[in-house]
Amino acid sequence: MEKKKPIVIGVTGGSGSGKTSVSRKILENFPDLTICKIDQDYYYKDQSHMPFEERLKTNYDHPFAFDTDLLIEHMNKLMEFLFLKMNACVI
């Protein structure tokens, strides 16, 4: 039996625009399906090498704050039904 192709739903918007509420409603409407929810917040670039004062200057809403290449890599792996290891948790 061939696996069905995954469906990707992107929910976008600015800070405080209701992305989390919309995502929760989507999840609630499909209780019998396996759904993987990935937040872009998981993909902030590592700044542990920077002093705290420098990190405070970062605009976390700017696209440059994110490791978009890693997000795309992970999305492609998920589309192939591969497992991901992220921050000590497996998706």
N, C-alpha and C. Protein backbone atom coordinates (compact mmCIF):
# COMPACT_ATOMS: atom_id res chain seq x y z
N MET A 1 0.84 -1.18 0.00
CA MET A 1 0.00 0.00 0.00
C MET A 1 0.88 1.24 0.00
N GLU A 2 0.63 2.15 -0.91
CA GLU A 2 1.42 3.37 -1.03
C GLU A 2 0.98 4.39 0.02
N LYS A 3 1.96 5.07 0.62
CA LYS A 3 1.64 6.09 1.61
C LYS A 3 1.03 7.30 0.90
N LYS A 4 0.07 7.91 1.57
CA LYS A 4 -0.51 9.13 1.03
C LYS A 4 0.46 10.28 1.22
N LYS A 5 0.44 11.20 0.30
CA LYS A 5 1.30 12.38 0.40
C LYS A 5 0.79 13.27 1.54
N PRO A 6 1.70 13.73 2.39
CA PRO A 6 1.29 14.61 3.50
C PRO A 6 0.72 15.93 2.98
N ILE A 7 -0.13 16.50 3.78
CA ILE A 7 -0.70 17.82 3.49
C ILE A 7 0.00 18.82 4.41
N VAL A 8 0.44 19.92 3.84
CA VAL A 8 1.09 20.97 4.62
C VAL A 8 0.15 22.18 4.65
N ILE A 9 -0.10 22.67 5.85
CA ILE A 9 -0.91 23.87 6.03
C ILE A 9 -0.02 24.90 6.72
N GLY A 10 0.18 26.01 6.07
CA GLY A 10 0.98 27.09 6.65
C GLY A 10 0.07 28.14 7.25
N VAL A 11 0.35 28.53 8.47
CA VAL A 11 -0.42 29.58 9.13
C VAL A 11 0.55 30.72 9.40
N THR A 12 0.29 31.87 8.80
CA THR A 12 1.22 32.99 8.93
C THR A 12 0.52 34.21 9.51
N GLY A 13 1.32 35.13 9.98
CA GLY A 13 0.80 36.39 10.50
C GLY A 13 1.79 37.00 11.46
N GLY A 14 1.58 38.24 11.77
CA GLY A 14 2.45 38.95 12.69
C GLY A 14 2.25 38.51 14.13
N SER A 15 3.08 39.05 15.01
CA SER A 15 2.97 38.74 16.44
C SER A 15 1.58 39.11 16.94
N GLY A 16 0.97 38.20 17.69
CA GLY A 16 -0.34 38.46 18.28
C GLY A 16 -1.50 38.41 17.30
N SER A 17 -1.29 37.85 16.11
CA SER A 17 -2.35 37.85 15.09
C SER A 17 -3.30 36.66 15.18
N GLY A 18 -3.01 35.71 16.06
CA GLY A 18 -3.92 34.58 16.23
C GLY A 18 -3.47 33.28 15.59
N LYS A 19 -2.19 33.20 15.21
CA LYS A 19 -1.68 31.98 14.57
C LYS A 19 -1.86 30.76 15.47
N THR A 20 -1.57 30.90 16.74
CA THR A 20 -1.69 29.78 17.67
C THR A 20 -3.13 29.34 17.80
N SER A 21 -4.05 30.28 17.89
CA SER A 21 -5.48 29.94 18.00
C SER A 21 -5.97 29.21 16.76
N VAL A 22 -5.58 29.69 15.59
CA VAL A 22 -5.98 29.04 14.34
C VAL A 22 -5.40 27.63 14.27
N SER A 23 -4.14 27.50 14.64
CA SER A 23 -3.48 26.18 14.61
C SER A 23 -4.17 25.20 15.54
N ARG A 24 -4.54 25.66 16.71
CA ARG A 24 -5.24 24.79 17.67
C ARG A 24 -6.58 24.32 17.11
N LYS A 25 -7.29 25.23 16.47
CA LYS A 25 -8.59 24.86 15.89
C LYS A 25 -8.43 23.84 14.77
N ILE A 26 -7.39 23.99 13.97
CA ILE A 26 -7.12 23.00 12.91
C ILE A 26 -6.87 21.63 13.54
N LEU A 27 -6.02 21.60 14.57
CA LEU A 27 -5.72 20.33 15.24
C LEU A 27 -6.97 19.71 15.85
N GLU A 28 -7.82 20.54 16.48
CA GLU A 28 -9.04 20.04 17.11
C GLU A 28 -10.00 19.41 16.11
N ASN A 29 -9.98 19.88 14.87
CA ASN A 29 -10.92 19.40 13.86
C ASN A 29 -10.49 18.09 13.20
N PHE A 30 -9.30 17.60 13.53
CA PHE A 30 -8.82 16.36 12.94
C PHE A 30 -8.25 15.44 14.01
N PRO A 31 -9.07 15.07 15.00
CA PRO A 31 -8.55 14.30 16.13
C PRO A 31 -8.08 12.89 15.77
N ASP A 32 -8.55 12.35 14.67
CA ASP A 32 -8.20 10.97 14.31
C ASP A 32 -7.00 10.89 13.37
N LEU A 33 -6.41 12.03 13.02
CA LEU A 33 -5.26 12.03 12.12
C LEU A 33 -3.97 12.29 12.88
N THR A 34 -2.88 11.81 12.31
CA THR A 34 -1.57 12.11 12.87
C THR A 34 -1.13 13.45 12.31
N ILE A 35 -0.95 14.41 13.19
CA ILE A 35 -0.59 15.77 12.76
C ILE A 35 0.68 16.19 13.48
N CYS A 36 1.58 16.75 12.73
CA CYS A 36 2.83 17.28 13.27
C CYS A 36 2.77 18.80 13.15
N LYS A 37 2.75 19.48 14.26
CA LYS A 37 2.72 20.95 14.26
C LYS A 37 4.14 21.45 14.53
N ILE A 38 4.64 22.26 13.63
CA ILE A 38 5.98 22.82 13.79
C ILE A 38 5.87 24.34 13.84
N ASP A 39 6.38 24.92 14.88
CA ASP A 39 6.39 26.37 15.02
C ASP A 39 7.70 26.93 14.48
N GLN A 40 7.61 28.03 13.77
CA GLN A 40 8.83 28.66 13.26
C GLN A 40 9.72 29.10 14.42
N ASP A 41 9.12 29.31 15.59
CA ASP A 41 9.92 29.68 16.77
C ASP A 41 10.99 28.64 17.10
N TYR A 42 10.79 27.41 16.64
CA TYR A 42 11.79 26.36 16.87
C TYR A 42 13.06 26.61 16.05
N TYR A 43 13.01 27.56 15.13
CA TYR A 43 14.09 27.73 14.16
C TYR A 43 14.80 29.07 14.27
N TYR A 44 14.77 29.68 15.45
CA TYR A 44 15.60 30.87 15.63
C TYR A 44 17.06 30.47 15.52
N LYS A 45 17.86 31.33 14.89
CA LYS A 45 19.30 31.06 14.79
C LYS A 45 19.91 31.06 16.18
N ASP A 46 20.87 30.16 16.37
CA ASP A 46 21.57 30.05 17.64
C ASP A 46 22.36 31.34 17.91
N GLN A 47 22.14 31.91 19.06
CA GLN A 47 22.87 33.12 19.44
C GLN A 47 23.62 32.93 20.75
N SER A 48 23.82 31.68 21.13
CA SER A 48 24.47 31.41 22.42
C SER A 48 25.90 31.93 22.48
N HIS A 49 26.49 32.15 21.32
CA HIS A 49 27.85 32.67 21.27
C HIS A 49 27.92 34.19 21.48
N MET A 50 26.75 34.84 21.47
CA MET A 50 26.70 36.30 21.59
C MET A 50 26.45 36.72 23.03
N PRO A 51 27.03 37.84 23.45
CA PRO A 51 26.70 38.35 24.79
C PRO A 51 25.22 38.70 24.88
N PHE A 52 24.68 38.59 26.06
CA PHE A 52 23.25 38.85 26.27
C PHE A 52 22.84 40.22 25.75
N GLU A 53 23.68 41.21 25.98
CA GLU A 53 23.37 42.58 25.55
C GLU A 53 23.21 42.66 24.03
N GLU A 54 23.99 41.88 23.29
CA GLU A 54 23.88 41.85 21.83
C GLU A 54 22.60 41.14 21.39
N ARG A 55 22.25 40.09 22.11
CA ARG A 55 21.02 39.35 21.77
C ARG A 55 19.78 40.20 21.95
N LEU A 56 19.83 41.12 22.92
CA LEU A 56 18.69 42.01 23.15
C LEU A 56 18.41 42.91 21.95
N LYS A 57 19.41 43.13 21.12
CA LYS A 57 19.26 43.99 19.94
C LYS A 57 18.63 43.26 18.76
N THR A 58 18.50 41.96 18.84
CA THR A 58 17.97 41.17 17.74
C THR A 58 16.48 41.44 17.52
N ASN A 59 16.10 41.63 16.27
CA ASN A 59 14.70 41.75 15.91
C ASN A 59 14.20 40.34 15.59
N TYR A 60 13.52 39.72 16.52
CA TYR A 60 13.11 38.33 16.36
C TYR A 60 11.92 38.16 15.41
N ASP A 61 11.37 39.27 14.92
CA ASP A 61 10.33 39.20 13.90
C ASP A 61 10.90 39.29 12.49
N HIS A 62 12.18 39.59 12.37
CA HIS A 62 12.81 39.73 11.05
C HIS A 62 13.17 38.35 10.49
N PRO A 63 13.00 38.15 9.19
CA PRO A 63 13.33 36.84 8.59
C PRO A 63 14.77 36.39 8.84
N PHE A 64 15.70 37.32 8.99
CA PHE A 64 17.10 36.93 9.23
C PHE A 64 17.31 36.28 10.60
N ALA A 65 16.32 36.38 11.48
CA ALA A 65 16.44 35.79 12.82
C ALA A 65 16.27 34.27 12.79
N PHE A 66 15.77 33.75 11.66
CA PHE A 66 15.44 32.32 11.57
C PHE A 66 16.42 31.55 10.70
N ASP A 67 16.60 30.28 11.05
CA ASP A 67 17.39 29.36 10.23
C ASP A 67 16.43 28.70 9.24
N THR A 68 16.09 29.46 8.21
CA THR A 68 15.10 29.01 7.23
C THR A 68 15.58 27.79 6.47
N ASP A 69 16.87 27.71 6.19
CA ASP A 69 17.39 26.53 5.48
C ASP A 69 17.12 25.26 6.27
N LEU A 70 17.30 25.32 7.58
CA LEU A 70 17.04 24.14 8.42
C LEU A 70 15.54 23.81 8.44
N LEU A 71 14.70 24.83 8.51
CA LEU A 71 13.26 24.60 8.47
C LEU A 71 12.86 23.91 7.17
N ILE A 72 13.37 24.38 6.05
CA ILE A 72 13.05 23.77 4.75
C ILE A 72 13.56 22.33 4.70
N GLU A 73 14.77 22.11 5.21
CA GLU A 73 15.32 20.74 5.25
C GLU A 73 14.41 19.83 6.06
N HIS A 74 13.94 20.30 7.21
CA HIS A 74 13.07 19.49 8.05
C HIS A 74 11.72 19.25 7.39
N MET A 75 11.19 20.25 6.73
CA MET A 75 9.90 20.08 6.03
C MET A 75 10.04 19.02 4.93
N ASN A 76 11.13 19.08 4.20
CA ASN A 76 11.35 18.07 3.14
C ASN A 76 11.46 16.67 3.72
N LYS A 77 12.14 16.53 4.85
CA LYS A 77 12.25 15.22 5.49
C LYS A 77 10.90 14.71 5.96
N LEU A 78 10.12 15.60 6.53
CA LEU A 78 8.79 15.20 6.98
C LEU A 78 7.92 14.77 5.81
N MET A 79 8.06 15.44 4.68
CA MET A 79 7.29 15.07 3.49
C MET A 79 7.66 13.68 2.99
N GLU A 80 8.86 13.21 3.37
CA GLU A 80 9.31 11.87 3.00
C GLU A 80 9.09 10.87 4.15
N PHE A 81 8.36 11.30 5.17
CA PHE A 81 8.05 10.46 6.34
C PHE A 81 9.31 10.08 7.13
N LEU A 82 10.29 10.94 7.14
CA LEU A 82 11.50 10.70 7.92
C LEU A 82 11.37 11.37 9.29
N PHE A 83 12.04 10.81 10.29
CA PHE A 83 12.01 11.38 11.63
C PHE A 83 13.00 12.52 11.75
N LEU A 84 12.67 13.44 12.63
CA LEU A 84 13.56 14.56 12.93
C LEU A 84 13.94 14.52 14.39
N LYS A 85 15.16 14.94 14.66
CA LYS A 85 15.56 15.11 16.05
C LYS A 85 15.81 16.60 16.24
N MET A 86 15.00 17.19 17.12
CA MET A 86 15.08 18.63 17.35
C MET A 86 15.14 18.91 18.83
N ASN A 87 16.17 19.58 19.25
CA ASN A 87 16.26 20.02 20.65
C ASN A 87 15.87 18.92 21.64
N ALA A 88 16.47 17.78 21.48
CA ALA A 88 16.29 16.64 22.38
C ALA A 88 14.89 16.04 22.34
N CYS A 89 14.11 16.35 21.31
CA CYS A 89 12.82 15.66 21.17
C CYS A 89 12.72 15.14 19.74
N VAL A 90 12.03 14.05 19.59
CA VAL A 90 11.88 13.44 18.27
C VAL A 90 10.47 13.73 17.78
N ILE A 91 10.39 14.19 16.54
CA ILE A 91 9.08 14.46 15.92
C ILE A 91 8.81 13.34 14.92
